[in-house]
Amino acid sequence: MAIPGIHLTRIGKGNFLLEPLRSMNIQDRDNLLQQVVAQVQQGRGAHLYYDLGELPIIDQVYYDWLDRLARTCQAANLKMTCINMQPTAAFTLSKFITGKPAFATALDVPD
């Protein structure tokens, strides 16, 4: 099942990589959340890696999307880790984030 605006790939036993495309529309986030989590569950996934490498800035709207996706993953017993965050994105995120995010962060997918 293809999800518009998202490239979702199995990258190992229980691991999926989500790569957002420029065409991803987070205004329809409820539908996106449902589709992403359903596809990971159907693939018997346990961990979703979200690649932020192409995102130079994370604003409040995008953070809300990431937070909602991470909380939905938690409710479905999935872990979510954001990877490849650019320094500029981390800096802008740090300007408004007040607590610990619902997702973990890492430089890359572990070997």
PDB file of N, CA and C in Angstrom:
ATOM      1  N   MET A   1       0.848  -1.178   0.000  1.00  0.00           N
ATOM      2  CA  MET A   1       0.000   0.000   0.000  1.00  0.00           C
ATOM      3  C   MET A   1       0.891   1.238   0.000  1.00  0.00           C
ATOM      4  N   ALA A   2       0.779   2.061  -1.009  1.00  0.00           N
ATOM      5  CA  ALA A   2       1.546   3.295  -1.095  1.00  0.00           C
ATOM      6  C   ALA A   2       0.829   4.405  -0.333  1.00  0.00           C
ATOM      7  N   ILE A   3       1.618   5.208   0.355  1.00  0.00           N
ATOM      8  CA  ILE A   3       1.072   6.339   1.109  1.00  0.00           C
ATOM      9  C   ILE A   3       1.534   7.613   0.405  1.00  0.00           C
ATOM     10  N   PRO A   4       0.618   8.438  -0.078  1.00  0.00           N
ATOM     11  CA  PRO A   4       1.014   9.656  -0.786  1.00  0.00           C
ATOM     12  C   PRO A   4       1.907  10.550   0.080  1.00  0.00           C
ATOM     13  N   GLY A   5       3.035  10.967  -0.483  1.00  0.00           N
ATOM     14  CA  GLY A   5       3.948  11.885   0.205  1.00  0.00           C
ATOM     15  C   GLY A   5       4.931  11.226   1.145  1.00  0.00           C
ATOM     16  N   ILE A   6       4.895   9.902   1.226  1.00  0.00           N
ATOM     17  CA  ILE A   6       5.768   9.180   2.161  1.00  0.00           C
ATOM     18  C   ILE A   6       6.369   7.968   1.463  1.00  0.00           C
ATOM     19  N   HIS A   7       7.637   7.765   1.700  1.00  0.00           N
ATOM     20  CA  HIS A   7       8.299   6.538   1.253  1.00  0.00           C
ATOM     21  C   HIS A   7       8.573   5.723   2.517  1.00  0.00           C
ATOM     22  N   LEU A   8       7.894   4.594   2.670  1.00  0.00           N
ATOM     23  CA  LEU A   8       8.005   3.747   3.855  1.00  0.00           C
ATOM     24  C   LEU A   8       8.608   2.412   3.435  1.00  0.00           C
ATOM     25  N   THR A   9       9.748   2.073   4.038  1.00  0.00           N
ATOM     26  CA  THR A   9      10.510   0.897   3.633  1.00  0.00           C
ATOM     27  C   THR A   9      10.852   0.038   4.837  1.00  0.00           C
ATOM     28  N   ARG A  10      10.692  -1.274   4.687  1.00  0.00           N
ATOM     29  CA  ARG A  10      11.171  -2.196   5.714  1.00  0.00           C
ATOM     30  C   ARG A  10      12.701  -2.232   5.595  1.00  0.00           C
ATOM     31  N   ILE A  11      13.403  -2.045   6.706  1.00  0.00           N
ATOM     32  CA  ILE A  11      14.867  -2.014   6.670  1.00  0.00           C
ATOM     33  C   ILE A  11      15.494  -3.061   7.584  1.00  0.00           C
ATOM     34  N   GLY A  12      14.748  -4.022   7.933  1.00  0.00           N
ATOM     35  CA  GLY A  12      15.257  -5.084   8.797  1.00  0.00           C
ATOM     36  C   GLY A  12      14.115  -5.651   9.601  1.00  0.00           C
ATOM     37  N   LYS A  13      14.420  -6.679  10.341  1.00  0.00           N
ATOM     38  CA  LYS A  13      13.379  -7.334  11.122  1.00  0.00           C
ATOM     39  C   LYS A  13      12.784  -6.364  12.136  1.00  0.00           C
ATOM     40  N   GLY A  14      11.528  -6.021  11.921  1.00  0.00           N
ATOM     41  CA  GLY A  14      10.822  -5.140  12.842  1.00  0.00           C
ATOM     42  C   GLY A  14      11.089  -3.664  12.668  1.00  0.00           C
ATOM     43  N   ASN A  15      11.948  -3.272  11.727  1.00  0.00           N
ATOM     44  CA  ASN A  15      12.311  -1.867  11.541  1.00  0.00           C
ATOM     45  C   ASN A  15      11.780  -1.336  10.215  1.00  0.00           C
ATOM     46  N   PHE A  16      11.240  -0.124  10.262  1.00  0.00           N
ATOM     47  CA  PHE A  16      10.769   0.559   9.062  1.00  0.00           C
ATOM     48  C   PHE A  16      11.397   1.946   9.018  1.00  0.00           C
ATOM     49  N   LEU A  17      11.690   2.409   7.813  1.00  0.00           N
ATOM     50  CA  LEU A  17      12.232   3.747   7.594  1.00  0.00           C
ATOM     51  C   LEU A  17      11.184   4.581   6.878  1.00  0.00           C
ATOM     52  N   LEU A  18      10.819   5.721   7.471  1.00  0.00           N
ATOM     53  CA  LEU A  18       9.889   6.662   6.863  1.00  0.00           C
ATOM     54  C   LEU A  18      10.688   7.836   6.331  1.00  0.00           C
ATOM     55  N   GLU A  19      10.576   8.066   5.021  1.00  0.00           N
ATOM     56  CA  GLU A  19      11.215   9.213   4.389  1.00  0.00           C
ATOM     57  C   GLU A  19      10.114  10.113   3.837  1.00  0.00           C
ATOM     58  N   PRO A  20       9.928  11.299   4.436  1.00  0.00           N
ATOM     59  CA  PRO A  20       8.888  12.204   3.930  1.00  0.00           C
ATOM     60  C   PRO A  20       9.323  12.800   2.596  1.00  0.00           C
ATOM     61  N   LEU A  21       8.400  12.881   1.678  1.00  0.00           N
ATOM     62  CA  LEU A  21       8.659  13.496   0.379  1.00  0.00           C
ATOM     63  C   LEU A  21       8.148  14.930   0.400  1.00  0.00           C
ATOM     64  N   ARG A  22       8.577  15.717  -0.545  1.00  0.00           N
ATOM     65  CA  ARG A  22       8.124  17.116  -0.607  1.00  0.00           C
ATOM     66  C   ARG A  22       6.613  17.222  -0.746  1.00  0.00           C
ATOM     67  N   SER A  23       5.996  16.193  -1.289  1.00  0.00           N
ATOM     68  CA  SER A  23       4.552  16.220  -1.508  1.00  0.00           C
ATOM     69  C   SER A  23       3.736  15.794  -0.281  1.00  0.00           C
ATOM     70  N   MET A  24       4.412  15.461   0.832  1.00  0.00           N
ATOM     71  CA  MET A  24       3.681  15.046   2.027  1.00  0.00           C
ATOM     72  C   MET A  24       2.840  16.206   2.552  1.00  0.00           C
ATOM     73  N   ASN A  25       1.576  15.936   2.829  1.00  0.00           N
ATOM     74  CA  ASN A  25       0.646  16.956   3.301  1.00  0.00           C
ATOM     75  C   ASN A  25       0.254  16.643   4.743  1.00  0.00           C
ATOM     76  N   ILE A  26       0.874  17.338   5.709  1.00  0.00           N
ATOM     77  CA  ILE A  26       0.571  17.061   7.109  1.00  0.00           C
ATOM     78  C   ILE A  26      -0.743  17.709   7.555  1.00  0.00           C
ATOM     79  N   GLN A  27      -1.384  18.451   6.663  1.00  0.00           N
ATOM     80  CA  GLN A  27      -2.707  18.991   7.001  1.00  0.00           C
ATOM     81  C   GLN A  27      -3.727  17.863   7.109  1.00  0.00           C
ATOM     82  N   ASP A  28      -3.450  16.752   6.442  1.00  0.00           N
ATOM     83  CA  ASP A  28      -4.310  15.565   6.498  1.00  0.00           C
ATOM     84  C   ASP A  28      -3.669  14.538   7.440  1.00  0.00           C
ATOM     85  N   ARG A  29      -3.203  15.020   8.589  1.00  0.00           N
ATOM     86  CA  ARG A  29      -2.385  14.185   9.463  1.00  0.00           C
ATOM     87  C   ARG A  29      -3.112  12.974  10.030  1.00  0.00           C
ATOM     88  N   ASP A  30      -4.401  13.092  10.319  1.00  0.00           N
ATOM     89  CA  ASP A  30      -5.113  11.940  10.878  1.00  0.00           C
ATOM     90  C   ASP A  30      -5.102  10.764   9.911  1.00  0.00           C
ATOM     91  N   ASN A  31      -5.325  11.038   8.640  1.00  0.00           N
ATOM     92  CA  ASN A  31      -5.286   9.996   7.625  1.00  0.00           C
ATOM     93  C   ASN A  31      -3.869   9.435   7.486  1.00  0.00           C
ATOM     94  N   LEU A  32      -2.863  10.320   7.486  1.00  0.00           N
ATOM     95  CA  LEU A  32      -1.469   9.873   7.393  1.00  0.00           C
ATOM     96  C   LEU A  32      -1.086   8.997   8.583  1.00  0.00           C
ATOM     97  N   LEU A  33      -1.469   9.434   9.780  1.00  0.00           N
ATOM     98  CA  LEU A  33      -1.165   8.656  10.989  1.00  0.00           C
ATOM     99  C   LEU A  33      -1.720   7.247  10.880  1.00  0.00           C
ATOM    100  N   GLN A  34      -2.970   7.169  10.501  1.00  0.00           N
ATOM    101  CA  GLN A  34      -3.626   5.872  10.383  1.00  0.00           C
ATOM    102  C   GLN A  34      -2.920   4.988   9.355  1.00  0.00           C
ATOM    103  N   GLN A  35      -2.594   5.545   8.200  1.00  0.00           N
ATOM    104  CA  GLN A  35      -1.959   4.759   7.151  1.00  0.00           C
ATOM    105  C   GLN A  35      -0.553   4.294   7.532  1.00  0.00           C
ATOM    106  N   VAL A  36       0.244   5.184   8.123  1.00  0.00           N
ATOM    107  CA  VAL A  36       1.616   4.825   8.502  1.00  0.00           C
ATOM    108  C   VAL A  36       1.599   3.727   9.559  1.00  0.00           C
ATOM    109  N   VAL A  37       0.858   3.932  10.627  1.00  0.00           N
ATOM    110  CA  VAL A  37       0.839   2.952  11.717  1.00  0.00           C
ATOM    111  C   VAL A  37       0.253   1.623  11.232  1.00  0.00           C
ATOM    112  N   ALA A  38      -0.787   1.666  10.420  1.00  0.00           N
ATOM    113  CA  ALA A  38      -1.379   0.428   9.902  1.00  0.00           C
ATOM    114  C   ALA A  38      -0.380  -0.352   9.050  1.00  0.00           C
ATOM    115  N   GLN A  39       0.359   0.357   8.206  1.00  0.00           N
ATOM    116  CA  GLN A  39       1.321  -0.336   7.346  1.00  0.00           C
ATOM    117  C   GLN A  39       2.468  -0.941   8.160  1.00  0.00           C
ATOM    118  N   VAL A  40       2.946  -0.226   9.165  1.00  0.00           N
ATOM    119  CA  VAL A  40       4.009  -0.769  10.018  1.00  0.00           C
ATOM    120  C   VAL A  40       3.498  -1.982  10.794  1.00  0.00           C
ATOM    121  N   GLN A  41       2.294  -1.895  11.318  1.00  0.00           N
ATOM    122  CA  GLN A  41       1.722  -3.037  12.043  1.00  0.00           C
ATOM    123  C   GLN A  41       1.505  -4.231  11.124  1.00  0.00           C
ATOM    124  N   GLN A  42       1.022  -4.005   9.909  1.00  0.00           N
ATOM    125  CA  GLN A  42       0.808  -5.093   8.963  1.00  0.00           C
ATOM    126  C   GLN A  42       2.122  -5.790   8.631  1.00  0.00           C
ATOM    127  N   GLY A  43       3.205  -5.016   8.624  1.00  0.00           N
ATOM    128  CA  GLY A  43       4.527  -5.587   8.373  1.00  0.00           C
ATOM    129  C   GLY A  43       5.191  -6.114   9.629  1.00  0.00           C
ATOM    130  N   ARG A  44       4.407  -6.219  10.705  1.00  0.00           N
ATOM    131  CA  ARG A  44       4.891  -6.691  12.004  1.00  0.00           C
ATOM    132  C   ARG A  44       6.100  -5.880  12.499  1.00  0.00           C
ATOM    133  N   GLY A  45       6.006  -4.578  12.277  1.00  0.00           N
ATOM    134  CA  GLY A  45       7.073  -3.679  12.705  1.00  0.00           C
ATOM    135  C   GLY A  45       7.019  -3.382  14.192  1.00  0.00           C
ATOM    136  N   ALA A  46       8.162  -3.020  14.729  1.00  0.00           N
ATOM    137  CA  ALA A  46       8.269  -2.651  16.134  1.00  0.00           C
ATOM    138  C   ALA A  46       8.922  -1.280  16.308  1.00  0.00           C
ATOM    139  N   HIS A  47       9.603  -0.805  15.253  1.00  0.00           N
ATOM    140  CA  HIS A  47      10.359   0.441  15.364  1.00  0.00           C
ATOM    141  C   HIS A  47      10.247   1.217  14.056  1.00  0.00           C
ATOM    142  N   LEU A  48       9.872   2.483  14.164  1.00  0.00           N
ATOM    143  CA  LEU A  48       9.774   3.376  13.012  1.00  0.00           C
ATOM    144  C   LEU A  48      10.883   4.414  13.110  1.00  0.00           C
ATOM    145  N   TYR A  49      11.728   4.456  12.104  1.00  0.00           N
ATOM    146  CA  TYR A  49      12.775   5.472  12.000  1.00  0.00           C
ATOM    147  C   TYR A  49      12.286   6.537  11.027  1.00  0.00           C
ATOM    148  N   TYR A  50      12.270   7.780  11.477  1.00  0.00           N
ATOM    149  CA  TYR A  50      11.768   8.898  10.687  1.00  0.00           C
ATOM    150  C   TYR A  50      12.973   9.727  10.252  1.00  0.00           C
ATOM    151  N   ASP A  51      13.252   9.764   8.956  1.00  0.00           N
ATOM    152  CA  ASP A  51      14.423  10.453   8.413  1.00  0.00           C
ATOM    153  C   ASP A  51      14.125  11.938   8.217  1.00  0.00           C
ATOM    154  N   LEU A  52      14.808  12.777   8.979  1.00  0.00           N
ATOM    155  CA  LEU A  52      14.645  14.226   8.890  1.00  0.00           C
ATOM    156  C   LEU A  52      15.769  14.891   8.105  1.00  0.00           C
ATOM    157  N   GLY A  53      16.559  14.111   7.386  1.00  0.00           N
ATOM    158  CA  GLY A  53      17.736  14.619   6.689  1.00  0.00           C
ATOM    159  C   GLY A  53      17.467  15.703   5.664  1.00  0.00           C
ATOM    160  N   GLU A  54      16.293  15.721   5.068  1.00  0.00           N
ATOM    161  CA  GLU A  54      15.966  16.719   4.044  1.00  0.00           C
ATOM    162  C   GLU A  54      15.205  17.915   4.600  1.00  0.00           C
ATOM    163  N   LEU A  55      15.053  17.975   5.909  1.00  0.00           N
ATOM    164  CA  LEU A  55      14.258  19.036   6.526  1.00  0.00           C
ATOM    165  C   LEU A  55      15.182  20.025   7.243  1.00  0.00           C
ATOM    166  N   PRO A  56      15.408  21.209   6.666  1.00  0.00           N
ATOM    167  CA  PRO A  56      16.345  22.149   7.279  1.00  0.00           C
ATOM    168  C   PRO A  56      15.796  22.859   8.518  1.00  0.00           C
ATOM    169  N   ILE A  57      14.473  22.940   8.640  1.00  0.00           N
ATOM    170  CA  ILE A  57      13.851  23.642   9.768  1.00  0.00           C
ATOM    171  C   ILE A  57      12.644  22.845  10.253  1.00  0.00           C
ATOM    172  N   ILE A  58      12.491  22.767  11.576  1.00  0.00           N
ATOM    173  CA  ILE A  58      11.296  22.169  12.163  1.00  0.00           C
ATOM    174  C   ILE A  58      10.546  23.290  12.881  1.00  0.00           C
ATOM    175  N   ASP A  59       9.371  23.614  12.361  1.00  0.00           N
ATOM    176  CA  ASP A  59       8.551  24.640  13.002  1.00  0.00           C
ATOM    177  C   ASP A  59       7.535  23.973  13.930  1.00  0.00           C
ATOM    178  N   GLN A  60       6.723  24.785  14.579  1.00  0.00           N
ATOM    179  CA  GLN A  60       5.749  24.264  15.548  1.00  0.00           C
ATOM    180  C   GLN A  60       4.763  23.295  14.895  1.00  0.00           C
ATOM    181  N   VAL A  61       4.324  23.598  13.690  1.00  0.00           N
ATOM    182  CA  VAL A  61       3.361  22.740  12.993  1.00  0.00           C
ATOM    183  C   VAL A  61       3.974  21.376  12.699  1.00  0.00           C
ATOM    184  N   TYR A  62       5.223  21.364  12.235  1.00  0.00           N
ATOM    185  CA  TYR A  62       5.867  20.087  11.919  1.00  0.00           C
ATOM    186  C   TYR A  62       6.180  19.312  13.199  1.00  0.00           C
ATOM    187  N   TYR A  63       6.581  20.032  14.248  1.00  0.00           N
ATOM    188  CA  TYR A  63       6.810  19.354  15.528  1.00  0.00           C
ATOM    189  C   TYR A  63       5.526  18.702  16.034  1.00  0.00           C
ATOM    190  N   ASP A  64       4.406  19.406  15.903  1.00  0.00           N
ATOM    191  CA  ASP A  64       3.122  18.834  16.325  1.00  0.00           C
ATOM    192  C   ASP A  64       2.826  17.543  15.555  1.00  0.00           C
ATOM    193  N   TRP A  65       3.157  17.518  14.260  1.00  0.00           N
ATOM    194  CA  TRP A  65       2.982  16.313  13.439  1.00  0.00           C
ATOM    195  C   TRP A  65       3.856  15.175  13.978  1.00  0.00           C
ATOM    196  N   LEU A  66       5.139  15.475  14.231  1.00  0.00           N
ATOM    197  CA  LEU A  66       6.056  14.445  14.738  1.00  0.00           C
ATOM    198  C   LEU A  66       5.593  13.927  16.099  1.00  0.00           C
ATOM    199  N   ASP A  67       5.164  14.842  16.958  1.00  0.00           N
ATOM    200  CA  ASP A  67       4.699  14.461  18.290  1.00  0.00           C
ATOM    201  C   ASP A  67       3.454  13.585  18.204  1.00  0.00           C
ATOM    202  N   ARG A  68       2.507  13.956  17.366  1.00  0.00           N
ATOM    203  CA  ARG A  68       1.281  13.168  17.210  1.00  0.00           C
ATOM    204  C   ARG A  68       1.600  11.784  16.647  1.00  0.00           C
ATOM    205  N   LEU A  69       2.497  11.721  15.659  1.00  0.00           N
ATOM    206  CA  LEU A  69       2.884  10.425  15.098  1.00  0.00           C
ATOM    207  C   LEU A  69       3.566   9.564  16.158  1.00  0.00           C
ATOM    208  N   ALA A  70       4.466  10.151  16.932  1.00  0.00           N
ATOM    209  CA  ALA A  70       5.166   9.396  17.977  1.00  0.00           C
ATOM    210  C   ALA A  70       4.197   8.890  19.042  1.00  0.00           C
ATOM    211  N   ARG A  71       3.244   9.704  19.438  1.00  0.00           N
ATOM    212  CA  ARG A  71       2.259   9.282  20.445  1.00  0.00           C
ATOM    213  C   ARG A  71       1.330   8.205  19.895  1.00  0.00           C
ATOM    214  N   THR A  72       0.995   8.283  18.635  1.00  0.00           N
ATOM    215  CA  THR A  72       0.193   7.236  18.008  1.00  0.00           C
ATOM    216  C   THR A  72       0.989   5.940  17.954  1.00  0.00           C
ATOM    217  N   CYS A  73       2.262   6.038  17.630  1.00  0.00           N
ATOM    218  CA  CYS A  73       3.134   4.856  17.629  1.00  0.00           C
ATOM    219  C   CYS A  73       3.187   4.237  19.025  1.00  0.00           C
ATOM    220  N   GLN A  74       3.355   5.060  20.053  1.00  0.00           N
ATOM    221  CA  GLN A  74       3.397   4.549  21.424  1.00  0.00           C
ATOM    222  C   GLN A  74       2.116   3.813  21.770  1.00  0.00           C
ATOM    223  N   ALA A  75       0.982   4.364  21.377  1.00  0.00           N
ATOM    224  CA  ALA A  75      -0.302   3.725  21.670  1.00  0.00           C
ATOM    225  C   ALA A  75      -0.426   2.380  20.961  1.00  0.00           C
ATOM    226  N   ALA A  76       0.268   2.243  19.826  1.00  0.00           N
ATOM    227  CA  ALA A  76       0.244   0.995  19.059  1.00  0.00           C
ATOM    228  C   ALA A  76       1.435   0.097  19.404  1.00  0.00           C
ATOM    229  N   ASN A  77       2.138   0.419  20.490  1.00  0.00           N
ATOM    230  CA  ASN A  77       3.291  -0.352  20.952  1.00  0.00           C
ATOM    231  C   ASN A  77       4.438  -0.369  19.937  1.00  0.00           C
ATOM    232  N   LEU A  78       4.668   0.790  19.295  1.00  0.00           N
ATOM    233  CA  LEU A  78       5.778   0.960  18.366  1.00  0.00           C
ATOM    234  C   LEU A  78       6.711   2.034  18.916  1.00  0.00           C
ATOM    235  N   LYS A  79       7.987   1.886  18.668  1.00  0.00           N
ATOM    236  CA  LYS A  79       8.954   2.925  19.016  1.00  0.00           C
ATOM    237  C   LYS A  79       9.163   3.806  17.791  1.00  0.00           C
ATOM    238  N   MET A  80       9.447   5.080  18.037  1.00  0.00           N
ATOM    239  CA  MET A  80       9.750   5.997  16.936  1.00  0.00           C
ATOM    240  C   MET A  80      11.014   6.770  17.266  1.00  0.00           C
ATOM    241  N   THR A  81      11.931   6.784  16.309  1.00  0.00           N
ATOM    242  CA  THR A  81      13.178   7.517  16.454  1.00  0.00           C
ATOM    243  C   THR A  81      13.376   8.401  15.237  1.00  0.00           C
ATOM    244  N   CYS A  82      13.612   9.685  15.458  1.00  0.00           N
ATOM    245  CA  CYS A  82      13.924  10.611  14.378  1.00  0.00           C
ATOM    246  C   CYS A  82      15.431  10.582  14.157  1.00  0.00           C
ATOM    247  N   ILE A  83      15.827  10.418  12.895  1.00  0.00           N
ATOM    248  CA  ILE A  83      17.241  10.319  12.563  1.00  0.00           C
ATOM    249  C   ILE A  83      17.644  11.404  11.564  1.00  0.00           C
ATOM    250  N   ASN A  84      18.944  11.612  11.445  1.00  0.00           N
ATOM    251  CA  ASN A  84      19.538  12.534  10.466  1.00  0.00           C
ATOM    252  C   ASN A  84      19.040  13.967  10.608  1.00  0.00           C
ATOM    253  N   MET A  85      18.765  14.412  11.836  1.00  0.00           N
ATOM    254  CA  MET A  85      18.296  15.783  12.034  1.00  0.00           C
ATOM    255  C   MET A  85      19.442  16.755  11.765  1.00  0.00           C
ATOM    256  N   GLN A  86      19.183  17.709  10.894  1.00  0.00           N
ATOM    257  CA  GLN A  86      20.183  18.721  10.576  1.00  0.00           C
ATOM    258  C   GLN A  86      20.355  19.676  11.757  1.00  0.00           C
ATOM    259  N   PRO A  87      21.542  20.251  11.924  1.00  0.00           N
ATOM    260  CA  PRO A  87      21.758  21.196  13.028  1.00  0.00           C
ATOM    261  C   PRO A  87      20.774  22.365  13.018  1.00  0.00           C
ATOM    262  N   THR A  88      20.433  22.862  11.832  1.00  0.00           N
ATOM    263  CA  THR A  88      19.483  23.981  11.766  1.00  0.00           C
ATOM    264  C   THR A  88      18.102  23.554  12.263  1.00  0.00           C
ATOM    265  N   ALA A  89      17.715  22.327  11.950  1.00  0.00           N
ATOM    266  CA  ALA A  89      16.412  21.812  12.417  1.00  0.00           C
ATOM    267  C   ALA A  89      16.429  21.640  13.933  1.00  0.00           C
ATOM    268  N   ALA A  90      17.526  21.117  14.465  1.00  0.00           N
ATOM    269  CA  ALA A  90      17.642  20.940  15.911  1.00  0.00           C
ATOM    270  C   ALA A  90      17.595  22.303  16.618  1.00  0.00           C
ATOM    271  N   PHE A  91      18.246  23.293  16.035  1.00  0.00           N
ATOM    272  CA  PHE A  91      18.261  24.630  16.625  1.00  0.00           C
ATOM    273  C   PHE A  91      16.864  25.234  16.652  1.00  0.00           C
ATOM    274  N   THR A  92      16.151  25.165  15.526  1.00  0.00           N
ATOM    275  CA  THR A  92      14.810  25.746  15.506  1.00  0.00           C
ATOM    276  C   THR A  92      13.863  24.985  16.426  1.00  0.00           C
ATOM    277  N   LEU A  93      14.019  23.679  16.493  1.00  0.00           N
ATOM    278  CA  LEU A  93      13.200  22.868  17.396  1.00  0.00           C
ATOM    279  C   LEU A  93      13.434  23.271  18.850  1.00  0.00           C
ATOM    280  N   SER A  94      14.685  23.523  19.194  1.00  0.00           N
ATOM    281  CA  SER A  94      15.026  23.871  20.581  1.00  0.00           C
ATOM    282  C   SER A  94      14.433  25.214  21.008  1.00  0.00           C
ATOM    283  N   LYS A  95      14.046  26.048  20.058  1.00  0.00           N
ATOM    284  CA  LYS A  95      13.492  27.368  20.371  1.00  0.00           C
ATOM    285  C   LYS A  95      12.113  27.297  21.024  1.00  0.00           C
ATOM    286  N   PHE A  96      11.333  26.242  20.723  1.00  0.00           N
ATOM    287  CA  PHE A  96       9.965  26.212  21.253  1.00  0.00           C
ATOM    288  C   PHE A  96       9.612  24.938  22.001  1.00  0.00           C
ATOM    289  N   ILE A  97      10.437  23.943  21.963  1.00  0.00           N
ATOM    290  CA  ILE A  97      10.117  22.701  22.666  1.00  0.00           C
ATOM    291  C   ILE A  97      10.310  22.927  24.170  1.00  0.00           C
ATOM    292  N   THR A  98       9.367  22.469  24.966  1.00  0.00           N
ATOM    293  CA  THR A  98       9.430  22.733  26.406  1.00  0.00           C
ATOM    294  C   THR A  98       9.653  21.478  27.243  1.00  0.00           C
ATOM    295  N   GLY A  99       9.351  20.333  26.714  1.00  0.00           N
ATOM    296  CA  GLY A  99       9.515  19.085  27.461  1.00  0.00           C
ATOM    297  C   GLY A  99      10.199  18.038  26.607  1.00  0.00           C
ATOM    298  N   LYS A 100      10.329  16.868  27.176  1.00  0.00           N
ATOM    299  CA  LYS A 100      10.929  15.773  26.437  1.00  0.00           C
ATOM    300  C   LYS A 100       9.963  15.327  25.345  1.00  0.00           C
ATOM    301  N   PRO A 101      10.443  15.249  24.087  1.00  0.00           N
ATOM    302  CA  PRO A 101       9.533  14.822  23.012  1.00  0.00           C
ATOM    303  C   PRO A 101       9.133  13.353  23.162  1.00  0.00           C
ATOM    304  N   ALA A 102       8.053  12.990  22.499  1.00  0.00           N
ATOM    305  CA  ALA A 102       7.547  11.611  22.560  1.00  0.00           C
ATOM    306  C   ALA A 102       8.381  10.655  21.715  1.00  0.00           C
ATOM    307  N   PHE A 103       9.299  11.198  20.925  1.00  0.00           N
ATOM    308  CA  PHE A 103      10.154  10.384  20.070  1.00  0.00           C
ATOM    309  C   PHE A 103      11.603  10.478  20.532  1.00  0.00           C
ATOM    310  N   ALA A 104      12.364   9.439  20.210  1.00  0.00           N
ATOM    311  CA  ALA A 104      13.804   9.459  20.475  1.00  0.00           C
ATOM    312  C   ALA A 104      14.498  10.069  19.259  1.00  0.00           C
ATOM    313  N   THR A 105      15.760  10.414  19.422  1.00  0.00           N
ATOM    314  CA  THR A 105      16.562  10.907  18.299  1.00  0.00           C
ATOM    315  C   THR A 105      17.857  10.116  18.242  1.00  0.00           C
ATOM    316  N   ALA A 106      18.404  10.006  17.041  1.00  0.00           N
ATOM    317  CA  ALA A 106      19.682   9.339  16.813  1.00  0.00           C
ATOM    318  C   ALA A 106      20.309   9.923  15.562  1.00  0.00           C
ATOM    319  N   LEU A 107      21.613   9.737  15.431  1.00  0.00           N
ATOM    320  CA  LEU A 107      22.272  10.240  14.234  1.00  0.00           C
ATOM    321  C   LEU A 107      21.831   9.470  12.997  1.00  0.00           C
ATOM    322  N   ASP A 108      21.658   8.166  13.137  1.00  0.00           N
ATOM    323  CA  ASP A 108      21.322   7.317  12.003  1.00  0.00           C
ATOM    324  C   ASP A 108      20.713   6.019  12.531  1.00  0.00           C
ATOM    325  N   VAL A 109      20.318   5.150  11.631  1.00  0.00           N
ATOM    326  CA  VAL A 109      19.822   3.836  12.020  1.00  0.00           C
ATOM    327  C   VAL A 109      21.021   3.024  12.503  1.00  0.00           C
ATOM    328  N   PRO A 110      20.940   2.413  13.677  1.00  0.00           N
ATOM    329  CA  PRO A 110      22.079   1.623  14.169  1.00  0.00           C
ATOM    330  C   PRO A 110      22.337   0.407  13.270  1.00  0.00           C
ATOM    331  N   ASP A 111      23.593   0.012  13.213  1.00  0.00           N
ATOM    332  CA  ASP A 111      23.971  -1.173  12.409  1.00  0.00           C
ATOM    333  C   ASP A 111      23.449  -2.446  12.999  1.00  0.00           C
TER     334      ASP A 111
END
